[in-house]
Each structure stands twice: as structure tokens, then as C-alpha cells.
């Protein structure tokens, strides 16, 4: 995949950055996609964070502008409460069947929220400051050249936005330095994310059978998940809530068992590795699958986070992300 098609990533933060050098945006609870459109081409190419072609899954978005652009944004869909919700998109994001995708587009319409412009009419903009990229993006949108794609508002008052988004039940905010350049594939401190509901993308290292399962018919009941670090896969806990029926079956199909635990041992893990109670009866798997988990307390994605997930629940499989992206 061309390096420009890898999105720039935000660093988890603990507070809203103060000062006029920062601008603030709503953090959308959706799926990050890079959109690449060329003049004369009828379809926009949509690429996930880990480089997968997601174009067939989103026909109403893929019929985007005919102008030469590369944009960064988030695909969202609304739940019954009228709020963006990643869980609403889960069935759509895994689909590649054209007819089924068309039905999904009618039943679960998605919107592409575009927040950055990386190329326009053959001119690369990634070395331009955020303020310049934003100015050009707004101009292109005002001219109607982005079709149905939306360009969400930005805000100067980060504290206000943080309070309002929390009160409205939105996912959080992202704060960006006005002078920041776009760094494809990099996690930068020039962008800071502040979620209200604490979500984490973690790697599956094992699974345990459902309690009460009789021998020979073991059903997946819980996942053992960890956070990739330079020192190895650090154990973060066991996730069972939210894994039922088809979800358990799908997970079982994707996991590849291995003889040894992929988690770092107590000599590396400051929290002691996988406790004996959690390890007992566990089927170890190759650390290849990324899942989304929701938890109480501090976001486990923060580099400074130590400890276990608190009352975690399974949200979904992230096949748009690989362990190397975390």
C-alpha cells in the first residue's frame, strides 16, 4: 500500500490541550477510511487503516467526487438514539458482496465525515500545515466537489466541546495543532484523542470455553486479550460480556491455536503476566486478531496505562486493523 494511504494517528491524552495553537473536533465512533478519487474514475477507492480495500462495502460512499482528491475521514452510521455507533457498522464492514452491500446501504445508510485533505488535483498537501489543508478542504466542499461527503465543524473552545460531547453521548474529541503536518502512518502528539467511553483495540492471545460447556462441544465464552508493546504482548484481561451466538462462532473461525501462550511473562510484564486462574483451561492462539473492547476507567490504549480491564465488554472484530497498527 502506498504510504500516503496510511492515516495519521492521534495519541491518547488525559486533558484538553490549552492554548490558541490547538483546534478541536468531534471524535466519531465509526470506521477510519482513506478515500482516493481520480478524475474520470466512476468509483472512489476506500482503504482501511491496515490497507484493505473496503470499497465494495460502502457503495453510497464509493460513488464520491470525480475530482482528483485523497481525503481522510470516518464512516459513521446512527443507532436508534440518533448517535454515531461503531456497532451499527459491524455487519457492513465485513461484507464484500455487492448485492448485500446495496441492501445494507438502504437499511443502514452510512455517512463519510471527511476531516482532512491530503491531495488535490495532483498536488500533495501533507507538508502543508493543518490550517492550510483545512482551508482548501472547506473551499472544495463549498464548491460541491465532494458530493455527499460531509465536512464536520471544528471548534476553538476545546473544554466546551469536551463537555458538550460528553453530555450528548458522543465518543469524545480530537485536538490538533493548527500548524501540524500530516504524517501518514505515524502516531503523533500533534493530534490528541480524548474519548468519553473508553475503547481499546487489543490483540487476542487466547480463549476460554463457555462455563458449563460439556466435553467435546466446547463453545467460546471469553477472550484473553493483550496490548502490543516493544517488550511483547502485555496481558490486559479476560473479556466475556458481549460474546454470544454468531459472534462466538465467527471468532472461533478466525482464531488459530498454538501450543504456547503469546503473552509476555512476569519477567517483562510489570503486572505479572497471565494469572494462573485465567490461564487454566485456556486455548492459546496466534496473536493475529484485533478486537474492540469497551472498559470502565482510564483508556488502556494510553502508553502510561498499567493494569487490567475493568468490567470489559466485547464490541467487535477489527479486521480493518492489524496488531502492527496498535
C-alpha atoms as a PDB file:
ATOM      1  CA  UNK A   1       0.000   0.000   0.000  1.00  0.00           C
ATOM      2  CA  UNK A   2       1.228   3.496  -0.834  1.00  0.00           C
ATOM      3  CA  UNK A   3       2.430   5.122   2.393  1.00  0.00           C
ATOM      4  CA  UNK A   4       0.200   8.145   1.796  1.00  0.00           C
ATOM      5  CA  UNK A   5      -2.831   5.902   2.211  1.00  0.00           C
ATOM      6  CA  UNK A   6      -1.942   5.120   5.819  1.00  0.00           C
ATOM      7  CA  UNK A   7      -3.789   7.509   8.140  1.00  0.00           C
ATOM      8  CA  UNK A   8      -2.070   9.722  10.679  1.00  0.00           C
ATOM      9  CA  UNK A   9      -2.962   8.571  14.196  1.00  0.00           C
ATOM     10  CA  UNK A  10      -3.707  10.517  17.379  1.00  0.00           C
ATOM     11  CA  UNK A  11      -2.000   9.974  20.729  1.00  0.00           C
ATOM     12  CA  UNK A  12      -4.297   9.229  23.707  1.00  0.00           C
ATOM     13  CA  UNK A  13      -4.474  12.191  26.094  1.00  0.00           C
ATOM     14  CA  UNK A  14      -5.601  12.891  29.642  1.00  0.00           C
ATOM     15  CA  UNK A  15      -6.804  16.506  29.299  1.00  0.00           C
ATOM     16  CA  UNK A  16      -7.835  19.037  26.667  1.00  0.00           C
ATOM     17  CA  UNK A  17      -4.701  20.824  25.377  1.00  0.00           C
ATOM     18  CA  UNK A  18      -4.905  24.542  26.250  1.00  0.00           C
ATOM     19  CA  UNK A  19      -3.990  27.474  24.040  1.00  0.00           C
ATOM     20  CA  UNK A  20      -4.777  29.004  20.665  1.00  0.00           C
ATOM     21  CA  UNK A  21      -2.369  26.685  18.835  1.00  0.00           C
ATOM     22  CA  UNK A  22      -4.934  23.885  19.161  1.00  0.00           C
ATOM     23  CA  UNK A  23      -8.174  23.287  17.268  1.00  0.00           C
ATOM     24  CA  UNK A  24     -10.751  20.708  18.304  1.00  0.00           C
ATOM     25  CA  UNK A  25     -13.055  18.265  16.503  1.00  0.00           C
ATOM     26  CA  UNK A  26     -15.699  15.707  17.442  1.00  0.00           C
ATOM     27  CA  UNK A  27     -14.328  12.163  17.724  1.00  0.00           C
ATOM     28  CA  UNK A  28     -16.584   9.948  15.629  1.00  0.00           C
ATOM     29  CA  UNK A  29     -17.471   6.411  16.691  1.00  0.00           C
ATOM     30  CA  UNK A  30     -17.019   4.886  13.249  1.00  0.00           C
ATOM     31  CA  UNK A  31     -14.516   3.314  10.854  1.00  0.00           C
ATOM     32  CA  UNK A  32     -11.463   5.225   9.662  1.00  0.00           C
ATOM     33  CA  UNK A  33     -11.065   5.192   5.874  1.00  0.00           C
ATOM     34  CA  UNK A  34      -8.805   6.927   3.389  1.00  0.00           C
ATOM     35  CA  UNK A  35     -10.716   7.933   0.245  1.00  0.00           C
ATOM     36  CA  UNK A  36      -8.878   8.200  -3.088  1.00  0.00           C
ATOM     37  CA  UNK A  37     -10.705   9.570  -6.107  1.00  0.00           C
ATOM     38  CA  UNK A  38      -9.393  10.347  -9.581  1.00  0.00           C
ATOM     39  CA  UNK A  39     -10.961  12.451 -12.300  1.00  0.00           C
ATOM     40  CA  UNK A  40     -12.673  10.241 -14.845  1.00  0.00           C
ATOM     41  CA  UNK A  41     -12.951   7.278 -12.491  1.00  0.00           C
ATOM     42  CA  UNK A  42     -16.520   6.394 -11.510  1.00  0.00           C
ATOM     43  CA  UNK A  43     -15.675   4.962  -8.086  1.00  0.00           C
ATOM     44  CA  UNK A  44     -13.671   6.233  -5.154  1.00  0.00           C
ATOM     45  CA  UNK A  45     -11.241   3.745  -3.646  1.00  0.00           C
ATOM     46  CA  UNK A  46     -11.764   3.320   0.104  1.00  0.00           C
ATOM     47  CA  UNK A  47      -8.881   1.911   2.151  1.00  0.00           C
ATOM     48  CA  UNK A  48      -8.857   0.787   5.800  1.00  0.00           C
ATOM     49  CA  UNK A  49      -6.135   1.554   8.343  1.00  0.00           C
ATOM     50  CA  UNK A  50      -4.298  -1.668   7.560  1.00  0.00           C
ATOM     51  CA  UNK A  51      -4.524  -1.284   3.796  1.00  0.00           C
ATOM     52  CA  UNK A  52      -7.547  -3.430   2.942  1.00  0.00           C
ATOM     53  CA  UNK A  53      -9.758  -2.332   0.070  1.00  0.00           C
ATOM     54  CA  UNK A  54     -13.152  -1.587   1.637  1.00  0.00           C
ATOM     55  CA  UNK A  55     -14.738  -0.073  -1.480  1.00  0.00           C
ATOM     56  CA  UNK A  56     -17.347  -2.838  -2.064  1.00  0.00           C
ATOM     57  CA  UNK A  57     -18.757  -2.449   1.458  1.00  0.00           C
ATOM     58  CA  UNK A  58     -19.751   1.206   1.048  1.00  0.00           C
ATOM     59  CA  UNK A  59     -21.422   1.802  -2.358  1.00  0.00           C
ATOM     60  CA  UNK A  60     -23.104   5.044  -1.289  1.00  0.00           C
ATOM     61  CA  UNK A  61     -19.704   6.472  -0.305  1.00  0.00           C
ATOM     62  CA  UNK A  62     -17.664   4.959  -3.139  1.00  0.00           C
ATOM     63  CA  UNK A  63     -19.726   6.943  -5.647  1.00  0.00           C
ATOM     64  CA  UNK A  64     -17.925  10.054  -4.458  1.00  0.00           C
ATOM     65  CA  UNK A  65     -16.419  13.016  -6.303  1.00  0.00           C
ATOM     66  CA  UNK A  66     -14.974  12.669  -9.797  1.00  0.00           C
ATOM     67  CA  UNK A  67     -12.307  15.219  -8.932  1.00  0.00           C
ATOM     68  CA  UNK A  68      -8.744  14.109  -8.102  1.00  0.00           C
ATOM     69  CA  UNK A  69      -8.627  14.022  -4.292  1.00  0.00           C
ATOM     70  CA  UNK A  70      -7.253  11.947  -1.430  1.00  0.00           C
ATOM     71  CA  UNK A  71      -9.045  12.517   1.874  1.00  0.00           C
ATOM     72  CA  UNK A  72      -9.013  11.166   5.421  1.00  0.00           C
ATOM     73  CA  UNK A  73     -12.229  10.607   7.304  1.00  0.00           C
ATOM     74  CA  UNK A  74     -14.543   8.376   9.282  1.00  0.00           C
ATOM     75  CA  UNK A  75     -17.545   6.383   8.096  1.00  0.00           C
ATOM     76  CA  UNK A  76     -20.407   6.615  10.581  1.00  0.00           C
ATOM     77  CA  UNK A  77     -23.957   5.320  10.974  1.00  0.00           C
ATOM     78  CA  UNK A  78     -26.538   6.239  13.600  1.00  0.00           C
ATOM     79  CA  UNK A  79     -28.073   3.974  16.225  1.00  0.00           C
ATOM     80  CA  UNK A  80     -31.680   4.120  17.441  1.00  0.00           C
ATOM     81  CA  UNK A  81     -30.773   7.034  19.718  1.00  0.00           C
ATOM     82  CA  UNK A  82     -29.522   9.053  16.744  1.00  0.00           C
ATOM     83  CA  UNK A  83     -25.862   8.785  17.779  1.00  0.00           C
ATOM     84  CA  UNK A  84     -22.876   7.510  15.763  1.00  0.00           C
ATOM     85  CA  UNK A  85     -22.217   3.927  16.872  1.00  0.00           C
ATOM     86  CA  UNK A  86     -19.475   1.589  15.659  1.00  0.00           C
ATOM     87  CA  UNK A  87     -21.621  -1.444  16.499  1.00  0.00           C
ATOM     88  CA  UNK A  88     -24.189  -0.440  13.874  1.00  0.00           C
ATOM     89  CA  UNK A  89     -21.479  -0.745  11.214  1.00  0.00           C
ATOM     90  CA  UNK A  90     -20.125  -4.164  12.174  1.00  0.00           C
ATOM     91  CA  UNK A  91     -22.221  -6.232   9.748  1.00  0.00           C
ATOM     92  CA  UNK A  92     -21.440  -3.834   6.918  1.00  0.00           C
ATOM     93  CA  UNK A  93     -17.689  -3.557   7.440  1.00  0.00           C
ATOM     94  CA  UNK A  94     -17.108  -7.306   6.920  1.00  0.00           C
ATOM     95  CA  UNK A  95     -19.287  -7.595   3.814  1.00  0.00           C
ATOM     96  CA  UNK A  96     -17.830  -7.697   0.279  1.00  0.00           C
ATOM     97  CA  UNK A  97     -20.892  -8.981  -1.601  1.00  0.00           C
ATOM     98  CA  UNK A  98     -22.136  -6.279  -3.997  1.00  0.00           C
ATOM     99  CA  UNK A  99     -25.857  -7.095  -3.757  1.00  0.00           C
ATOM    100  CA  UNK A 100     -25.785  -7.390   0.015  1.00  0.00           C
ATOM    101  CA  UNK A 101     -23.859  -4.110   0.236  1.00  0.00           C
ATOM    102  CA  UNK A 102     -26.597  -2.369  -1.762  1.00  0.00           C
ATOM    103  CA  UNK A 103     -29.241  -3.671   0.666  1.00  0.00           C
ATOM    104  CA  UNK A 104     -27.147  -2.570   3.630  1.00  0.00           C
ATOM    105  CA  UNK A 105     -26.842   0.912   2.106  1.00  0.00           C
ATOM    106  CA  UNK A 106     -30.636   1.208   2.212  1.00  0.00           C
ATOM    107  CA  UNK A 107     -31.125  -0.341   5.652  1.00  0.00           C
ATOM    108  CA  UNK A 108     -28.081   1.138   7.413  1.00  0.00           C
ATOM    109  CA  UNK A 109     -27.094   4.282   5.475  1.00  0.00           C
ATOM    110  CA  UNK A 110     -23.583   5.496   6.188  1.00  0.00           C
ATOM    111  CA  UNK A 111     -22.048   8.956   6.010  1.00  0.00           C
ATOM    112  CA  UNK A 112     -18.416   9.781   5.253  1.00  0.00           C
ATOM    113  CA  UNK A 113     -17.187  12.513   7.623  1.00  0.00           C
ATOM    114  CA  UNK A 114     -14.109  13.982   5.918  1.00  0.00           C
ATOM    115  CA  UNK A 115     -11.729  15.900   8.187  1.00  0.00           C
ATOM    116  CA  UNK A 116      -8.502  16.165   6.178  1.00  0.00           C
ATOM    117  CA  UNK A 117      -7.379  16.691   2.585  1.00  0.00           C
ATOM    118  CA  UNK A 118      -4.116  15.028   1.537  1.00  0.00           C
ATOM    119  CA  UNK A 119      -4.076  15.589  -2.228  1.00  0.00           C
ATOM    120  CA  UNK A 120      -5.974  17.830  -4.621  1.00  0.00           C
ATOM    121  CA  UNK A 121      -5.686  17.826  -8.420  1.00  0.00           C
ATOM    122  CA  UNK A 122      -2.326  16.068  -8.269  1.00  0.00           C
ATOM    123  CA  UNK A 123      -0.872  18.381  -5.620  1.00  0.00           C
ATOM    124  CA  UNK A 124       0.241  16.778  -2.352  1.00  0.00           C
ATOM    125  CA  UNK A 125      -0.826  18.748   0.720  1.00  0.00           C
ATOM    126  CA  UNK A 126       0.656  16.635   3.518  1.00  0.00           C
ATOM    127  CA  UNK A 127       3.544  19.068   4.112  1.00  0.00           C
ATOM    128  CA  UNK A 128       1.143  21.991   4.435  1.00  0.00           C
ATOM    129  CA  UNK A 129       0.057  22.984   7.967  1.00  0.00           C
ATOM    130  CA  UNK A 130      -3.356  21.818   9.168  1.00  0.00           C
ATOM    131  CA  UNK A 131      -4.751  25.356   8.769  1.00  0.00           C
ATOM    132  CA  UNK A 132      -3.941  25.393   5.042  1.00  0.00           C
ATOM    133  CA  UNK A 133      -5.246  21.871   4.425  1.00  0.00           C
ATOM    134  CA  UNK A 134      -8.449  22.745   6.260  1.00  0.00           C
ATOM    135  CA  UNK A 135      -8.906  25.964   4.285  1.00  0.00           C
ATOM    136  CA  UNK A 136      -8.611  24.102   0.974  1.00  0.00           C
ATOM    137  CA  UNK A 137     -10.892  21.287   2.195  1.00  0.00           C
ATOM    138  CA  UNK A 138     -13.626  23.741   3.162  1.00  0.00           C
ATOM    139  CA  UNK A 139     -13.328  25.502  -0.202  1.00  0.00           C
ATOM    140  CA  UNK A 140     -13.631  22.237  -2.144  1.00  0.00           C
ATOM    141  CA  UNK A 141     -16.642  21.244  -0.034  1.00  0.00           C
ATOM    142  CA  UNK A 142     -18.294  24.635  -0.527  1.00  0.00           C
ATOM    143  CA  UNK A 143     -17.920  24.221  -4.299  1.00  0.00           C
ATOM    144  CA  UNK A 144     -19.867  20.963  -4.070  1.00  0.00           C
ATOM    145  CA  UNK A 145     -16.930  18.896  -5.306  1.00  0.00           C
ATOM    146  CA  UNK A 146     -17.154  16.310  -2.509  1.00  0.00           C
ATOM    147  CA  UNK A 147     -20.622  15.069  -3.416  1.00  0.00           C
ATOM    148  CA  UNK A 148     -22.436  13.530  -0.450  1.00  0.00           C
ATOM    149  CA  UNK A 149     -19.337  13.540   1.750  1.00  0.00           C
ATOM    150  CA  UNK A 150     -19.607  15.775   4.806  1.00  0.00           C
ATOM    151  CA  UNK A 151     -17.001  18.068   6.364  1.00  0.00           C
ATOM    152  CA  UNK A 152     -17.701  18.369  10.118  1.00  0.00           C
ATOM    153  CA  UNK A 153     -17.156  21.608  12.010  1.00  0.00           C
ATOM    154  CA  UNK A 154     -14.084  22.492  14.065  1.00  0.00           C
ATOM    155  CA  UNK A 155     -14.065  24.378  17.371  1.00  0.00           C
ATOM    156  CA  UNK A 156     -11.721  26.780  19.144  1.00  0.00           C
ATOM    157  CA  UNK A 157     -13.032  26.039  22.652  1.00  0.00           C
ATOM    158  CA  UNK A 158     -11.873  22.518  23.466  1.00  0.00           C
ATOM    159  CA  UNK A 159     -13.225  22.442  27.024  1.00  0.00           C
ATOM    160  CA  UNK A 160     -16.677  23.418  25.845  1.00  0.00           C
ATOM    161  CA  UNK A 161     -16.626  20.769  23.117  1.00  0.00           C
ATOM    162  CA  UNK A 162     -15.436  18.135  25.574  1.00  0.00           C
ATOM    163  CA  UNK A 163     -18.299  18.905  27.979  1.00  0.00           C
ATOM    164  CA  UNK A 164     -20.956  19.113  25.264  1.00  0.00           C
ATOM    165  CA  UNK A 165     -19.947  15.878  23.532  1.00  0.00           C
ATOM    166  CA  UNK A 166     -19.968  14.070  26.872  1.00  0.00           C
ATOM    167  CA  UNK A 167     -23.444  15.411  27.700  1.00  0.00           C
ATOM    168  CA  UNK A 168     -24.740  14.375  24.263  1.00  0.00           C
ATOM    169  CA  UNK A 169     -23.358  10.851  24.499  1.00  0.00           C
ATOM    170  CA  UNK A 170     -20.785  11.245  21.718  1.00  0.00           C
ATOM    171  CA  UNK A 171     -17.496   9.341  21.763  1.00  0.00           C
ATOM    172  CA  UNK A 172     -15.177  12.238  22.598  1.00  0.00           C
ATOM    173  CA  UNK A 173     -12.981  14.838  20.913  1.00  0.00           C
ATOM    174  CA  UNK A 174      -9.726  15.064  18.965  1.00  0.00           C
ATOM    175  CA  UNK A 175      -7.458  18.082  19.434  1.00  0.00           C
ATOM    176  CA  UNK A 176      -4.994  19.043  16.679  1.00  0.00           C
ATOM    177  CA  UNK A 177      -2.145  21.538  16.452  1.00  0.00           C
ATOM    178  CA  UNK A 178      -3.028  24.136  13.850  1.00  0.00           C
ATOM    179  CA  UNK A 179       0.494  24.001  12.442  1.00  0.00           C
ATOM    180  CA  UNK A 180       0.715  20.209  12.255  1.00  0.00           C
ATOM    181  CA  UNK A 181       1.806  18.493   9.045  1.00  0.00           C
ATOM    182  CA  UNK A 182       0.123  15.252   8.018  1.00  0.00           C
ATOM    183  CA  UNK A 183       2.343  12.274   8.835  1.00  0.00           C
ATOM    184  CA  UNK A 184       0.969   9.133   7.096  1.00  0.00           C
ATOM    185  CA  UNK A 185       1.114   6.025   9.253  1.00  0.00           C
ATOM    186  CA  UNK A 186       2.545   7.821  12.287  1.00  0.00           C
ATOM    187  CA  UNK A 187       1.046   8.275  15.749  1.00  0.00           C
ATOM    188  CA  UNK A 188       1.729  11.910  16.528  1.00  0.00           C
ATOM    189  CA  UNK A 189       1.487  14.078  19.622  1.00  0.00           C
ATOM    190  CA  UNK A 190       0.281  16.842  17.307  1.00  0.00           C
ATOM    191  CA  UNK A 191      -3.078  15.066  17.427  1.00  0.00           C
ATOM    192  CA  UNK A 192      -4.551  14.120  20.814  1.00  0.00           C
ATOM    193  CA  UNK A 193      -7.672  11.984  21.306  1.00  0.00           C
ATOM    194  CA  UNK A 194      -9.859  12.255  24.394  1.00  0.00           C
ATOM    195  CA  UNK A 195     -12.643   9.632  24.463  1.00  0.00           C
ATOM    196  CA  UNK A 196     -15.517   9.637  26.955  1.00  0.00           C
ATOM    197  CA  UNK A 197     -16.354   5.964  26.567  1.00  0.00           C
ATOM    198  CA  UNK A 198     -13.119   4.145  26.867  1.00  0.00           C
ATOM    199  CA  UNK A 199     -12.487   1.924  23.893  1.00  0.00           C
ATOM    200  CA  UNK A 200      -9.361  -0.071  23.141  1.00  0.00           C
ATOM    201  CA  UNK A 201      -8.215  -2.152  20.207  1.00  0.00           C
ATOM    202  CA  UNK A 202      -6.474  -5.196  21.685  1.00  0.00           C
ATOM    203  CA  UNK A 203      -4.947  -8.415  20.377  1.00  0.00           C
ATOM    204  CA  UNK A 204      -6.445 -11.831  21.160  1.00  0.00           C
ATOM    205  CA  UNK A 205      -3.942 -14.257  22.683  1.00  0.00           C
ATOM    206  CA  UNK A 206      -6.265 -16.999  23.876  1.00  0.00           C
ATOM    207  CA  UNK A 207      -9.822 -18.106  24.537  1.00  0.00           C
ATOM    208  CA  UNK A 208     -11.663 -19.968  27.269  1.00  0.00           C
ATOM    209  CA  UNK A 209     -14.696 -22.224  26.817  1.00  0.00           C
ATOM    210  CA  UNK A 210     -18.113 -21.124  27.986  1.00  0.00           C
ATOM    211  CA  UNK A 211     -18.863 -22.080  31.591  1.00  0.00           C
ATOM    212  CA  UNK A 212     -20.948 -25.241  31.725  1.00  0.00           C
ATOM    213  CA  UNK A 213     -19.809 -26.477  28.325  1.00  0.00           C
ATOM    214  CA  UNK A 214     -19.525 -30.241  28.301  1.00  0.00           C
ATOM    215  CA  UNK A 215     -16.512 -32.086  26.900  1.00  0.00           C
ATOM    216  CA  UNK A 216     -16.278 -32.392  23.138  1.00  0.00           C
ATOM    217  CA  UNK A 217     -18.576 -29.438  22.464  1.00  0.00           C
ATOM    218  CA  UNK A 218     -16.559 -26.529  23.806  1.00  0.00           C
ATOM    219  CA  UNK A 219     -18.001 -23.149  22.875  1.00  0.00           C
ATOM    220  CA  UNK A 220     -16.006 -19.954  23.012  1.00  0.00           C
ATOM    221  CA  UNK A 221     -17.048 -17.983  26.073  1.00  0.00           C
ATOM    222  CA  UNK A 222     -14.278 -15.460  26.717  1.00  0.00           C
ATOM    223  CA  UNK A 223     -11.174 -13.970  25.110  1.00  0.00           C
ATOM    224  CA  UNK A 224      -7.814 -13.280  26.720  1.00  0.00           C
ATOM    225  CA  UNK A 225      -6.556 -10.019  25.254  1.00  0.00           C
ATOM    226  CA  UNK A 226      -3.377  -8.002  25.409  1.00  0.00           C
ATOM    227  CA  UNK A 227      -1.705  -4.764  24.406  1.00  0.00           C
ATOM    228  CA  UNK A 228       1.246  -4.959  21.979  1.00  0.00           C
ATOM    229  CA  UNK A 229       4.404  -3.264  23.274  1.00  0.00           C
ATOM    230  CA  UNK A 230       8.079  -3.339  22.249  1.00  0.00           C
ATOM    231  CA  UNK A 231       8.562  -5.894  25.052  1.00  0.00           C
ATOM    232  CA  UNK A 232       5.814  -8.217  23.845  1.00  0.00           C
ATOM    233  CA  UNK A 233       2.078  -8.728  24.264  1.00  0.00           C
ATOM    234  CA  UNK A 234       1.126  -7.432  27.713  1.00  0.00           C
ATOM    235  CA  UNK A 235      -1.905  -9.174  29.218  1.00  0.00           C
ATOM    236  CA  UNK A 236      -4.839  -6.835  29.866  1.00  0.00           C
ATOM    237  CA  UNK A 237      -7.577  -9.200  30.914  1.00  0.00           C
ATOM    238  CA  UNK A 238     -10.400 -11.542  30.036  1.00  0.00           C
ATOM    239  CA  UNK A 239     -13.429 -10.406  28.023  1.00  0.00           C
ATOM    240  CA  UNK A 240     -16.633 -12.447  28.042  1.00  0.00           C
ATOM    241  CA  UNK A 241     -19.506  -9.968  28.090  1.00  0.00           C
ATOM    242  CA  UNK A 242     -20.950  -9.405  24.623  1.00  0.00           C
ATOM    243  CA  UNK A 243     -19.667 -12.667  23.112  1.00  0.00           C
ATOM    244  CA  UNK A 244     -22.738 -14.681  22.179  1.00  0.00           C
ATOM    245  CA  UNK A 245     -24.100 -16.758  19.307  1.00  0.00           C
ATOM    246  CA  UNK A 246     -22.779 -15.745  15.896  1.00  0.00           C
ATOM    247  CA  UNK A 247     -20.034 -13.609  17.407  1.00  0.00           C
ATOM    248  CA  UNK A 248     -18.561 -16.592  19.244  1.00  0.00           C
ATOM    249  CA  UNK A 249     -18.811 -18.721  16.122  1.00  0.00           C
ATOM    250  CA  UNK A 250     -17.101 -16.084  13.968  1.00  0.00           C
ATOM    251  CA  UNK A 251     -14.305 -15.638  16.499  1.00  0.00           C
ATOM    252  CA  UNK A 252     -13.746 -19.377  16.607  1.00  0.00           C
ATOM    253  CA  UNK A 253     -13.357 -19.437  12.830  1.00  0.00           C
ATOM    254  CA  UNK A 254     -10.710 -16.706  12.857  1.00  0.00           C
ATOM    255  CA  UNK A 255      -8.502 -17.843  15.738  1.00  0.00           C
ATOM    256  CA  UNK A 256      -5.515 -20.115  15.100  1.00  0.00           C
ATOM    257  CA  UNK A 257      -4.496 -22.213  18.074  1.00  0.00           C
ATOM    258  CA  UNK A 258      -0.892 -22.608  19.177  1.00  0.00           C
ATOM    259  CA  UNK A 259       0.831 -24.622  21.895  1.00  0.00           C
ATOM    260  CA  UNK A 260       2.289 -21.748  23.914  1.00  0.00           C
ATOM    261  CA  UNK A 261       0.978 -18.535  25.402  1.00  0.00           C
ATOM    262  CA  UNK A 262       1.792 -15.487  23.238  1.00  0.00           C
ATOM    263  CA  UNK A 263       1.689 -13.171  26.255  1.00  0.00           C
ATOM    264  CA  UNK A 264       4.791 -11.700  27.872  1.00  0.00           C
ATOM    265  CA  UNK A 265       5.905 -13.404  31.073  1.00  0.00           C
ATOM    266  CA  UNK A 266       6.256 -11.890  34.563  1.00  0.00           C
ATOM    267  CA  UNK A 267       9.890 -11.022  33.851  1.00  0.00           C
ATOM    268  CA  UNK A 268       8.661  -8.466  31.288  1.00  0.00           C
ATOM    269  CA  UNK A 269       5.070  -7.687  32.270  1.00  0.00           C
ATOM    270  CA  UNK A 270       5.031  -5.241  35.227  1.00  0.00           C
ATOM    271  CA  UNK A 271       1.653  -6.690  36.231  1.00  0.00           C
ATOM    272  CA  UNK A 272       2.918 -10.258  36.401  1.00  0.00           C
ATOM    273  CA  UNK A 273       1.693 -11.791  33.141  1.00  0.00           C
ATOM    274  CA  UNK A 274      -1.375 -14.017  32.824  1.00  0.00           C
ATOM    275  CA  UNK A 275      -2.658 -15.086  36.270  1.00  0.00           C
ATOM    276  CA  UNK A 276      -2.838 -18.841  36.837  1.00  0.00           C
ATOM    277  CA  UNK A 277      -6.610 -18.624  37.292  1.00  0.00           C
ATOM    278  CA  UNK A 278      -7.031 -17.045  33.849  1.00  0.00           C
ATOM    279  CA  UNK A 279      -4.518 -19.384  32.190  1.00  0.00           C
ATOM    280  CA  UNK A 280      -6.244 -22.545  33.439  1.00  0.00           C
ATOM    281  CA  UNK A 281      -8.223 -24.177  30.641  1.00  0.00           C
ATOM    282  CA  UNK A 282      -7.223 -21.522  28.096  1.00  0.00           C
ATOM    283  CA  UNK A 283      -6.684 -22.352  24.422  1.00  0.00           C
ATOM    284  CA  UNK A 284      -3.721 -20.231  23.297  1.00  0.00           C
ATOM    285  CA  UNK A 285      -3.864 -18.659  19.836  1.00  0.00           C
ATOM    286  CA  UNK A 286      -1.527 -16.842  17.489  1.00  0.00           C
ATOM    287  CA  UNK A 287      -1.693 -13.078  18.256  1.00  0.00           C
ATOM    288  CA  UNK A 288      -3.109 -12.040  14.888  1.00  0.00           C
ATOM    289  CA  UNK A 289      -6.681 -10.896  15.542  1.00  0.00           C
ATOM    290  CA  UNK A 290      -7.556  -7.399  16.784  1.00  0.00           C
ATOM    291  CA  UNK A 291     -10.817  -6.817  18.657  1.00  0.00           C
ATOM    292  CA  UNK A 292     -12.525  -3.724  20.034  1.00  0.00           C
ATOM    293  CA  UNK A 293     -13.208  -3.709  23.768  1.00  0.00           C
ATOM    294  CA  UNK A 294     -15.042  -1.203  25.947  1.00  0.00           C
ATOM    295  CA  UNK A 295     -13.988  -0.743  29.567  1.00  0.00           C
ATOM    296  CA  UNK A 296     -14.523   1.494  32.574  1.00  0.00           C
ATOM    297  CA  UNK A 297     -11.778   3.778  33.826  1.00  0.00           C
ATOM    298  CA  UNK A 298      -8.686   5.015  32.014  1.00  0.00           C
ATOM    299  CA  UNK A 299      -8.240   4.098  28.342  1.00  0.00           C
ATOM    300  CA  UNK A 300      -5.971   1.082  28.083  1.00  0.00           C
ATOM    301  CA  UNK A 301      -4.592   2.418  24.825  1.00  0.00           C
ATOM    302  CA  UNK A 302      -2.679   5.120  26.703  1.00  0.00           C
ATOM    303  CA  UNK A 303       1.055   4.353  26.879  1.00  0.00           C
ATOM    304  CA  UNK A 304       1.082   5.095  30.624  1.00  0.00           C
ATOM    305  CA  UNK A 305      -1.779   2.694  31.423  1.00  0.00           C
ATOM    306  CA  UNK A 306      -0.905  -0.204  33.715  1.00  0.00           C
ATOM    307  CA  UNK A 307      -3.255  -2.917  34.925  1.00  0.00           C
ATOM    308  CA  UNK A 308      -6.297  -4.819  33.861  1.00  0.00           C
ATOM    309  CA  UNK A 309      -9.521  -4.031  32.054  1.00  0.00           C
ATOM    310  CA  UNK A 310     -12.394  -3.148  34.364  1.00  0.00           C
ATOM    311  CA  UNK A 311     -15.768  -4.731  33.602  1.00  0.00           C
ATOM    312  CA  UNK A 312     -14.886  -5.068  29.915  1.00  0.00           C
ATOM    313  CA  UNK A 313     -17.321  -5.886  27.131  1.00  0.00           C
ATOM    314  CA  UNK A 314     -16.664  -7.131  23.617  1.00  0.00           C
ATOM    315  CA  UNK A 315     -17.642  -4.654  20.894  1.00  0.00           C
ATOM    316  CA  UNK A 316     -16.485  -6.280  17.679  1.00  0.00           C
ATOM    317  CA  UNK A 317     -13.760  -7.665  15.437  1.00  0.00           C
ATOM    318  CA  UNK A 318     -11.432  -5.067  13.899  1.00  0.00           C
ATOM    319  CA  UNK A 319     -10.374  -6.645  10.619  1.00  0.00           C
ATOM    320  CA  UNK A 320      -9.550  -3.143   9.394  1.00  0.00           C
ATOM    321  CA  UNK A 321      -6.641  -3.039  11.858  1.00  0.00           C
ATOM    322  CA  UNK A 322      -3.644  -5.345  12.323  1.00  0.00           C
ATOM    323  CA  UNK A 323      -1.595  -5.809  15.534  1.00  0.00           C
ATOM    324  CA  UNK A 324       1.216  -3.794  13.949  1.00  0.00           C
ATOM    325  CA  UNK A 325      -1.100  -0.768  13.743  1.00  0.00           C
ATOM    326  CA  UNK A 326      -1.657  -0.612  17.505  1.00  0.00           C
END
